[in-house]
PDB file of N, CA and C in Angstrom:
ATOM      1  N   MET A   1      20.917  18.001 -50.916  1.00  0.00           N
ATOM      2  CA  MET A   1      20.826  17.103 -52.050  1.00  0.00           C
ATOM      3  C   MET A   1      21.641  17.692 -53.206  1.00  0.00           C
ATOM      4  N   LYS A   2      22.393  16.857 -53.875  1.00  0.00           N
ATOM      5  CA  LYS A   2      23.255  17.312 -54.959  1.00  0.00           C
ATOM      6  C   LYS A   2      22.425  17.614 -56.204  1.00  0.00           C
ATOM      7  N   ALA A   3      22.920  18.543 -57.019  1.00  0.00           N
ATOM      8  CA  ALA A   3      22.201  18.980 -58.227  1.00  0.00           C
ATOM      9  C   ALA A   3      21.950  17.818 -59.178  1.00  0.00           C
ATOM     10  N   TYR A   4      22.935  16.938 -59.346  1.00  0.00           N
ATOM     11  CA  TYR A   4      22.734  15.830 -60.273  1.00  0.00           C
ATOM     12  C   TYR A   4      21.694  14.838 -59.759  1.00  0.00           C
ATOM     13  N   THR A   5      21.516  14.739 -58.450  1.00  0.00           N
ATOM     14  CA  THR A   5      20.460  13.888 -57.896  1.00  0.00           C
ATOM     15  C   THR A   5      19.098  14.482 -58.204  1.00  0.00           C
ATOM     16  N   ILE A   6      18.982  15.791 -58.110  1.00  0.00           N
ATOM     17  CA  ILE A   6      17.721  16.471 -58.444  1.00  0.00           C
ATOM     18  C   ILE A   6      17.395  16.279 -59.919  1.00  0.00           C
ATOM     19  N   ILE A   7      18.397  16.433 -60.777  1.00  0.00           N
ATOM     20  CA  ILE A   7      18.194  16.202 -62.211  1.00  0.00           C
ATOM     21  C   ILE A   7      17.752  14.764 -62.450  1.00  0.00           C
ATOM     22  N   GLY A   8      18.383  13.827 -61.770  1.00  0.00           N
ATOM     23  CA  GLY A   8      18.009  12.413 -61.897  1.00  0.00           C
ATOM     24  C   GLY A   8      16.593  12.155 -61.436  1.00  0.00           C
ATOM     25  N   LEU A   9      16.183  12.784 -60.347  1.00  0.00           N
ATOM     26  CA  LEU A   9      14.815  12.607 -59.854  1.00  0.00           C
ATOM     27  C   LEU A   9      13.785  13.197 -60.815  1.00  0.00           C
ATOM     28  N   ILE A  10      14.094  14.351 -61.401  1.00  0.00           N
ATOM     29  CA  ILE A  10      13.184  14.960 -62.385  1.00  0.00           C
ATOM     30  C   ILE A  10      13.083  14.068 -63.627  1.00  0.00           C
ATOM     31  N   ALA A  11      14.225  13.597 -64.114  1.00  0.00           N
ATOM     32  CA  ALA A  11      14.225  12.699 -65.277  1.00  0.00           C
ATOM     33  C   ALA A  11      13.463  11.415 -64.967  1.00  0.00           C
ATOM     34  N   ALA A  12      13.680  10.877 -63.785  1.00  0.00           N
ATOM     35  CA  ALA A  12      12.997   9.650 -63.370  1.00  0.00           C
ATOM     36  C   ALA A  12      11.488   9.863 -63.316  1.00  0.00           C
ATOM     37  N   THR A  13      11.079  11.000 -62.798  1.00  0.00           N
ATOM     38  CA  THR A  13       9.649  11.313 -62.727  1.00  0.00           C
ATOM     39  C   THR A  13       9.043  11.380 -64.117  1.00  0.00           C
ATOM     40  N   CYS A  14       9.699  12.075 -65.029  1.00  0.00           N
ATOM     41  CA  CYS A  14       9.182  12.215 -66.396  1.00  0.00           C
ATOM     42  C   CYS A  14       9.056  10.864 -67.105  1.00  0.00           C
ATOM     43  N   THR A  15      10.107  10.065 -67.060  1.00  0.00           N
ATOM     44  CA  THR A  15      10.075   8.791 -67.780  1.00  0.00           C
ATOM     45  C   THR A  15       9.121   7.794 -67.129  1.00  0.00           C
ATOM     46  N   THR A  16       9.001   7.850 -65.827  1.00  0.00           N
ATOM     47  CA  THR A  16       8.101   6.936 -65.136  1.00  0.00           C
ATOM     48  C   THR A  16       6.649   7.295 -65.399  1.00  0.00           C
ATOM     49  N   ILE A  17       6.326   8.563 -65.302  1.00  0.00           N
ATOM     50  CA  ILE A  17       4.949   9.018 -65.534  1.00  0.00           C
ATOM     51  C   ILE A  17       4.519   8.744 -66.976  1.00  0.00           C
ATOM     52  N   SER A  18       5.471   8.723 -67.906  1.00  0.00           N
ATOM     53  CA  SER A  18       5.114   8.503 -69.309  1.00  0.00           C
ATOM     54  C   SER A  18       4.450   7.143 -69.531  1.00  0.00           C
ATOM     55  N   PHE A  19       4.697   6.177 -68.665  1.00  0.00           N
ATOM     56  CA  PHE A  19       4.087   4.854 -68.805  1.00  0.00           C
ATOM     57  C   PHE A  19       2.700   4.767 -68.189  1.00  0.00           C
ATOM     58  N   LEU A  20       2.357   5.688 -67.344  1.00  0.00           N
ATOM     59  CA  LEU A  20       1.077   5.637 -66.642  1.00  0.00           C
ATOM     60  C   LEU A  20      -0.128   5.661 -67.587  1.00  0.00           C
ATOM     61  N   PRO A  21      -0.194   6.552 -68.585  1.00  0.00           N
ATOM     62  CA  PRO A  21      -1.360   6.539 -69.479  1.00  0.00           C
ATOM     63  C   PRO A  21      -1.547   5.207 -70.204  1.00  0.00           C
ATOM     64  N   GLN A  22      -0.448   4.595 -70.648  1.00  0.00           N
ATOM     65  CA  GLN A  22      -0.547   3.302 -71.338  1.00  0.00           C
ATOM     66  C   GLN A  22      -1.045   2.226 -70.393  1.00  0.00           C
ATOM     67  N   ALA A  23      -0.531   2.200 -69.178  1.00  0.00           N
ATOM     68  CA  ALA A  23      -0.967   1.204 -68.200  1.00  0.00           C
ATOM     69  C   ALA A  23      -2.448   1.378 -67.876  1.00  0.00           C
ATOM     70  N   ILE A  24      -2.885   2.607 -67.677  1.00  0.00           N
ATOM     71  CA  ILE A  24      -4.307   2.870 -67.389  1.00  0.00           C
ATOM     72  C   ILE A  24      -5.176   2.435 -68.558  1.00  0.00           C
ATOM     73  N   GLN A  25      -4.751   2.788 -69.775  1.00  0.00           N
ATOM     74  CA  GLN A  25      -5.516   2.428 -70.983  1.00  0.00           C
ATOM     75  C   GLN A  25      -5.664   0.910 -71.105  1.00  0.00           C
ATOM     76  N   VAL A  26      -4.575   0.186 -70.897  1.00  0.00           N
ATOM     77  CA  VAL A  26      -4.619  -1.277 -71.019  1.00  0.00           C
ATOM     78  C   VAL A  26      -5.490  -1.884 -69.914  1.00  0.00           C
ATOM     79  N   ILE A  27      -5.376  -1.374 -68.708  1.00  0.00           N
ATOM     80  CA  ILE A  27      -6.181  -1.899 -67.602  1.00  0.00           C
ATOM     81  C   ILE A  27      -7.665  -1.651 -67.858  1.00  0.00           C
ATOM     82  N   LYS A  28      -8.012  -0.452 -68.336  1.00  0.00           N
ATOM     83  CA  LYS A  28      -9.415  -0.110 -68.566  1.00  0.00           C
ATOM     84  C   LYS A  28     -10.020  -0.871 -69.744  1.00  0.00           C
ATOM     85  N   THR A  29      -9.278  -0.951 -70.853  1.00  0.00           N
ATOM     86  CA  THR A  29      -9.850  -1.524 -72.075  1.00  0.00           C
ATOM     87  C   THR A  29      -9.518  -2.997 -72.284  1.00  0.00           C
ATOM     88  N   LYS A  30      -8.449  -3.455 -71.648  1.00  0.00           N
ATOM     89  CA  LYS A  30      -7.934  -4.817 -71.862  1.00  0.00           C
ATOM     90  C   LYS A  30      -7.573  -5.058 -73.333  1.00  0.00           C
ATOM     91  N   HIS A  31      -7.355  -3.984 -74.067  1.00  0.00           N
ATOM     92  CA  HIS A  31      -6.993  -4.060 -75.481  1.00  0.00           C
ATOM     93  C   HIS A  31      -5.473  -3.977 -75.614  1.00  0.00           C
ATOM     94  N   THR A  32      -4.866  -5.050 -76.067  1.00  0.00           N
ATOM     95  CA  THR A  32      -3.406  -5.090 -76.189  1.00  0.00           C
ATOM     96  C   THR A  32      -2.954  -5.532 -77.582  1.00  0.00           C
ATOM     97  N   LYS A  33      -3.896  -5.689 -78.497  1.00  0.00           N
ATOM     98  CA  LYS A  33      -3.578  -6.211 -79.827  1.00  0.00           C
ATOM     99  C   LYS A  33      -2.470  -5.412 -80.520  1.00  0.00           C
ATOM    100  N   ASP A  34      -2.494  -4.095 -80.393  1.00  0.00           N
ATOM    101  CA  ASP A  34      -1.540  -3.245 -81.107  1.00  0.00           C
ATOM    102  C   ASP A  34      -0.211  -3.051 -80.372  1.00  0.00           C
ATOM    103  N   LEU A  35      -0.050  -3.679 -79.223  1.00  0.00           N
ATOM    104  CA  LEU A  35       1.200  -3.561 -78.465  1.00  0.00           C
ATOM    105  C   LEU A  35       2.136  -4.707 -78.839  1.00  0.00           C
ATOM    106  N   SER A  36       3.401  -4.396 -78.964  1.00  0.00           N
ATOM    107  CA  SER A  36       4.400  -5.399 -79.324  1.00  0.00           C
ATOM    108  C   SER A  36       4.812  -6.210 -78.089  1.00  0.00           C
ATOM    109  N   LEU A  37       4.578  -7.508 -78.137  1.00  0.00           N
ATOM    110  CA  LEU A  37       4.981  -8.390 -77.043  1.00  0.00           C
ATOM    111  C   LEU A  37       6.497  -8.385 -76.881  1.00  0.00           C
ATOM    112  N   THR A  38       7.218  -8.450 -77.991  1.00  0.00           N
ATOM    113  CA  THR A  38       8.679  -8.457 -77.937  1.00  0.00           C
ATOM    114  C   THR A  38       9.205  -7.183 -77.287  1.00  0.00           C
ATOM    115  N   MET A  39       8.640  -6.044 -77.657  1.00  0.00           N
ATOM    116  CA  MET A  39       9.094  -4.775 -77.091  1.00  0.00           C
ATOM    117  C   MET A  39       8.865  -4.744 -75.590  1.00  0.00           C
ATOM    118  N   TYR A  40       7.666  -5.110 -75.134  1.00  0.00           N
ATOM    119  CA  TYR A  40       7.377  -5.058 -73.703  1.00  0.00           C
ATOM    120  C   TYR A  40       8.155  -6.109 -72.917  1.00  0.00           C
ATOM    121  N   LEU A  41       8.415  -7.253 -73.514  1.00  0.00           N
ATOM    122  CA  LEU A  41       9.226  -8.272 -72.854  1.00  0.00           C
ATOM    123  C   LEU A  41      10.658  -7.777 -72.661  1.00  0.00           C
ATOM    124  N   LEU A  42      11.269  -7.283 -73.733  1.00  0.00           N
ATOM    125  CA  LEU A  42      12.638  -6.771 -73.645  1.00  0.00           C
ATOM    126  C   LEU A  42      12.716  -5.547 -72.739  1.00  0.00           C
ATOM    127  N   PHE A  43      11.738  -4.660 -72.847  1.00  0.00           N
ATOM    128  CA  PHE A  43      11.730  -3.456 -72.027  1.00  0.00           C
ATOM    129  C   PHE A  43      11.635  -3.801 -70.544  1.00  0.00           C
ATOM    130  N   THR A  44      10.745  -4.726 -70.197  1.00  0.00           N
ATOM    131  CA  THR A  44      10.556  -5.104 -68.800  1.00  0.00           C
ATOM    132  C   THR A  44      11.815  -5.766 -68.234  1.00  0.00           C
ATOM    133  N   VAL A  45      12.444  -6.624 -69.010  1.00  0.00           N
ATOM    134  CA  VAL A  45      13.704  -7.235 -68.572  1.00  0.00           C
ATOM    135  C   VAL A  45      14.769  -6.149 -68.384  1.00  0.00           C
ATOM    136  N   GLY A  46      14.854  -5.222 -69.329  1.00  0.00           N
ATOM    137  CA  GLY A  46      15.823  -4.136 -69.228  1.00  0.00           C
ATOM    138  C   GLY A  46      15.584  -3.266 -68.001  1.00  0.00           C
ATOM    139  N   ILE A  47      14.345  -2.921 -67.737  1.00  0.00           N
ATOM    140  CA  ILE A  47      14.002  -2.110 -66.565  1.00  0.00           C
ATOM    141  C   ILE A  47      14.346  -2.867 -65.278  1.00  0.00           C
ATOM    142  N   PHE A  48      14.073  -4.163 -65.263  1.00  0.00           N
ATOM    143  CA  PHE A  48      14.425  -4.976 -64.098  1.00  0.00           C
ATOM    144  C   PHE A  48      15.931  -4.923 -63.846  1.00  0.00           C
ATOM    145  N   LEU A  49      16.712  -5.044 -64.914  1.00  0.00           N
ATOM    146  CA  LEU A  49      18.166  -5.013 -64.772  1.00  0.00           C
ATOM    147  C   LEU A  49      18.656  -3.631 -64.323  1.00  0.00           C
ATOM    148  N   TRP A  50      18.043  -2.555 -64.840  1.00  0.00           N
ATOM    149  CA  TRP A  50      18.392  -1.206 -64.375  1.00  0.00           C
ATOM    150  C   TRP A  50      18.040  -1.038 -62.901  1.00  0.00           C
ATOM    151  N   PHE A  51      16.920  -1.619 -62.482  1.00  0.00           N
ATOM    152  CA  PHE A  51      16.507  -1.571 -61.081  1.00  0.00           C
ATOM    153  C   PHE A  51      17.546  -2.261 -60.192  1.00  0.00           C
ATOM    154  N   ILE A  52      17.968  -3.448 -60.604  1.00  0.00           N
ATOM    155  CA  ILE A  52      18.996  -4.188 -59.857  1.00  0.00           C
ATOM    156  C   ILE A  52      20.290  -3.384 -59.818  1.00  0.00           C
ATOM    157  N   TYR A  53      20.672  -2.824 -60.945  1.00  0.00           N
ATOM    158  CA  TYR A  53      21.884  -2.002 -61.010  1.00  0.00           C
ATOM    159  C   TYR A  53      21.778  -0.813 -60.041  1.00  0.00           C
ATOM    160  N   GLY A  54      20.622  -0.164 -60.008  1.00  0.00           N
ATOM    161  CA  GLY A  54      20.400   0.939 -59.081  1.00  0.00           C
ATOM    162  C   GLY A  54      20.560   0.509 -57.632  1.00  0.00           C
ATOM    163  N   LEU A  55      20.067  -0.688 -57.310  1.00  0.00           N
ATOM    164  CA  LEU A  55      20.246  -1.213 -55.956  1.00  0.00           C
ATOM    165  C   LEU A  55      21.717  -1.449 -55.639  1.00  0.00           C
ATOM    166  N   VAL A  56      22.434  -2.022 -56.596  1.00  0.00           N
ATOM    167  CA  VAL A  56      23.847  -2.346 -56.389  1.00  0.00           C
ATOM    168  C   VAL A  56      24.670  -1.075 -56.135  1.00  0.00           C
ATOM    169  N   ILE A  57      24.381  -0.010 -56.892  1.00  0.00           N
ATOM    170  CA  ILE A  57      25.171   1.221 -56.732  1.00  0.00           C
ATOM    171  C   ILE A  57      24.499   2.203 -55.770  1.00  0.00           C
ATOM    172  N   SER A  58      23.371   1.816 -55.194  1.00  0.00           N
ATOM    173  CA  SER A  58      22.637   2.647 -54.229  1.00  0.00           C
ATOM    174  C   SER A  58      22.269   4.019 -54.793  1.00  0.00           C
ATOM    175  N   ASP A  59      21.706   4.022 -56.005  1.00  0.00           N
ATOM    176  CA  ASP A  59      21.303   5.264 -56.663  1.00  0.00           C
ATOM    177  C   ASP A  59      19.791   5.430 -56.520  1.00  0.00           C
ATOM    178  N   LEU A  60      19.377   6.325 -55.621  1.00  0.00           N
ATOM    179  CA  LEU A  60      17.965   6.482 -55.289  1.00  0.00           C
ATOM    180  C   LEU A  60      17.084   6.823 -56.492  1.00  0.00           C
ATOM    181  N   PRO A  61      17.446   7.806 -57.349  1.00  0.00           N
ATOM    182  CA  PRO A  61      16.584   8.085 -58.509  1.00  0.00           C
ATOM    183  C   PRO A  61      16.421   6.867 -59.410  1.00  0.00           C
ATOM    184  N   MET A  62      17.496   6.125 -59.608  1.00  0.00           N
ATOM    185  CA  MET A  62      17.434   4.940 -60.466  1.00  0.00           C
ATOM    186  C   MET A  62      16.556   3.853 -59.839  1.00  0.00           C
ATOM    187  N   ILE A  63      16.667   3.681 -58.548  1.00  0.00           N
ATOM    188  CA  ILE A  63      15.869   2.666 -57.848  1.00  0.00           C
ATOM    189  C   ILE A  63      14.384   3.022 -57.913  1.00  0.00           C
ATOM    190  N   ILE A  64      14.059   4.261 -57.595  1.00  0.00           N
ATOM    191  CA  ILE A  64      12.655   4.684 -57.578  1.00  0.00           C
ATOM    192  C   ILE A  64      12.047   4.620 -58.974  1.00  0.00           C
ATOM    193  N   ALA A  65      12.717   5.244 -59.934  1.00  0.00           N
ATOM    194  CA  ALA A  65      12.175   5.305 -61.295  1.00  0.00           C
ATOM    195  C   ALA A  65      11.993   3.920 -61.891  1.00  0.00           C
ATOM    196  N   ASN A  66      13.020   3.104 -61.788  1.00  0.00           N
ATOM    197  CA  ASN A  66      12.937   1.784 -62.405  1.00  0.00           C
ATOM    198  C   ASN A  66      12.024   0.845 -61.625  1.00  0.00           C
ATOM    199  N   GLY A  67      11.926   1.027 -60.321  1.00  0.00           N
ATOM    200  CA  GLY A  67      10.985   0.220 -59.538  1.00  0.00           C
ATOM    201  C   GLY A  67       9.549   0.491 -59.943  1.00  0.00           C
ATOM    202  N   ILE A  68       9.201   1.767 -60.057  1.00  0.00           N
ATOM    203  CA  ILE A  68       7.826   2.128 -60.452  1.00  0.00           C
ATOM    204  C   ILE A  68       7.564   1.752 -61.907  1.00  0.00           C
ATOM    205  N   THR A  69       8.527   2.062 -62.790  1.00  0.00           N
ATOM    206  CA  THR A  69       8.360   1.711 -64.201  1.00  0.00           C
ATOM    207  C   THR A  69       8.260   0.200 -64.379  1.00  0.00           C
ATOM    208  N   LEU A  70       8.982  -0.553 -63.572  1.00  0.00           N
ATOM    209  CA  LEU A  70       8.896  -2.015 -63.624  1.00  0.00           C
ATOM    210  C   LEU A  70       7.486  -2.485 -63.299  1.00  0.00           C
ATOM    211  N   ILE A  71       6.853  -1.854 -62.346  1.00  0.00           N
ATOM    212  CA  ILE A  71       5.472  -2.206 -62.006  1.00  0.00           C
ATOM    213  C   ILE A  71       4.553  -1.927 -63.198  1.00  0.00           C
ATOM    214  N   PHE A  72       4.660  -0.711 -63.771  1.00  0.00           N
ATOM    215  CA  PHE A  72       3.800  -0.344 -64.900  1.00  0.00           C
ATOM    216  C   PHE A  72       4.033  -1.255 -66.101  1.00  0.00           C
ATOM    217  N   SER A  73       5.291  -1.468 -66.464  1.00  0.00           N
ATOM    218  CA  SER A  73       5.570  -2.288 -67.645  1.00  0.00           C
ATOM    219  C   SER A  73       5.205  -3.749 -67.404  1.00  0.00           C
ATOM    220  N   SER A  74       5.326  -4.220 -66.172  1.00  0.00           N
ATOM    221  CA  SER A  74       4.924  -5.593 -65.855  1.00  0.00           C
ATOM    222  C   SER A  74       3.413  -5.765 -65.975  1.00  0.00           C
ATOM    223  N   ILE A  75       2.673  -4.765 -65.530  1.00  0.00           N
ATOM    224  CA  ILE A  75       1.214  -4.814 -65.670  1.00  0.00           C
ATOM    225  C   ILE A  75       0.840  -4.908 -67.144  1.00  0.00           C
ATOM    226  N   ILE A  76       1.449  -4.054 -67.960  1.00  0.00           N
ATOM    227  CA  ILE A  76       1.158  -4.068 -69.395  1.00  0.00           C
ATOM    228  C   ILE A  76       1.561  -5.403 -70.010  1.00  0.00           C
ATOM    229  N   LEU A  77       2.724  -5.918 -69.640  1.00  0.00           N
ATOM    230  CA  LEU A  77       3.196  -7.200 -70.172  1.00  0.00           C
ATOM    231  C   LEU A  77       2.255  -8.334 -69.780  1.00  0.00           C
ATOM    232  N   VAL A  78       1.848  -8.383 -68.531  1.00  0.00           N
ATOM    233  CA  VAL A  78       0.928  -9.438 -68.072  1.00  0.00           C
ATOM    234  C   VAL A  78      -0.403  -9.332 -68.809  1.00  0.00           C
ATOM    235  N   MET A  79      -0.898  -8.114 -68.964  1.00  0.00           N
ATOM    236  CA  MET A  79      -2.160  -7.930 -69.680  1.00  0.00           C
ATOM    237  C   MET A  79      -2.013  -8.345 -71.146  1.00  0.00           C
ATOM    238  N   LYS A  80      -0.871  -8.035 -71.746  1.00  0.00           N
ATOM    239  CA  LYS A  80      -0.614  -8.438 -73.133  1.00  0.00           C
ATOM    240  C   LYS A  80      -0.630  -9.955 -73.250  1.00  0.00           C
ATOM    241  N   LEU A  81      -0.011 -10.642 -72.329  1.00  0.00           N
ATOM    242  CA  LEU A  81      -0.006 -12.104 -72.362  1.00  0.00           C
ATOM    243  C   LEU A  81      -1.381 -12.690 -72.087  1.00  0.00           C
ATOM    244  N   LYS A  82      -2.123 -12.056 -71.210  1.00  0.00           N
ATOM    245  CA  LYS A  82      -3.450 -12.564 -70.816  1.00  0.00           C
ATOM    246  C   LYS A  82      -4.501 -12.312 -71.898  1.00  0.00           C
ATOM    247  N   TYR A  83      -4.444 -11.158 -72.552  1.00  0.00           N
ATOM    248  CA  TYR A  83      -5.492 -10.767 -73.503  1.00  0.00           C
ATOM    249  C   TYR A  83      -5.013 -10.686 -74.940  1.00  0.00           C
ATOM    250  N   LYS A  84      -4.074 -11.544 -75.327  1.00  0.00           N
ATOM    251  CA  LYS A  84      -3.600 -11.476 -76.717  1.00  0.00           C
ATOM    252  C   LYS A  84      -4.545 -12.073 -77.713  1.00  0.00           C
TER     253      LYS A  84
END
């Protein structure tokens, strides 16, 4: 495995895991009042596009990180829309 792929996987792990506490908090409390709908909408669309881009260029760290982050941000976005 190339060094830059390892760096990408470490970066992907860090940024992806950073969303986990927020997703858990929203799922447990269903409290989304203080979350910005615009931010999560734009972020989720952006992550989706990065995921597609990763697929197009066959970049494994990008595909994994953005795929998982897309799940977390989508959960938060859906909860924000459901419990606003």
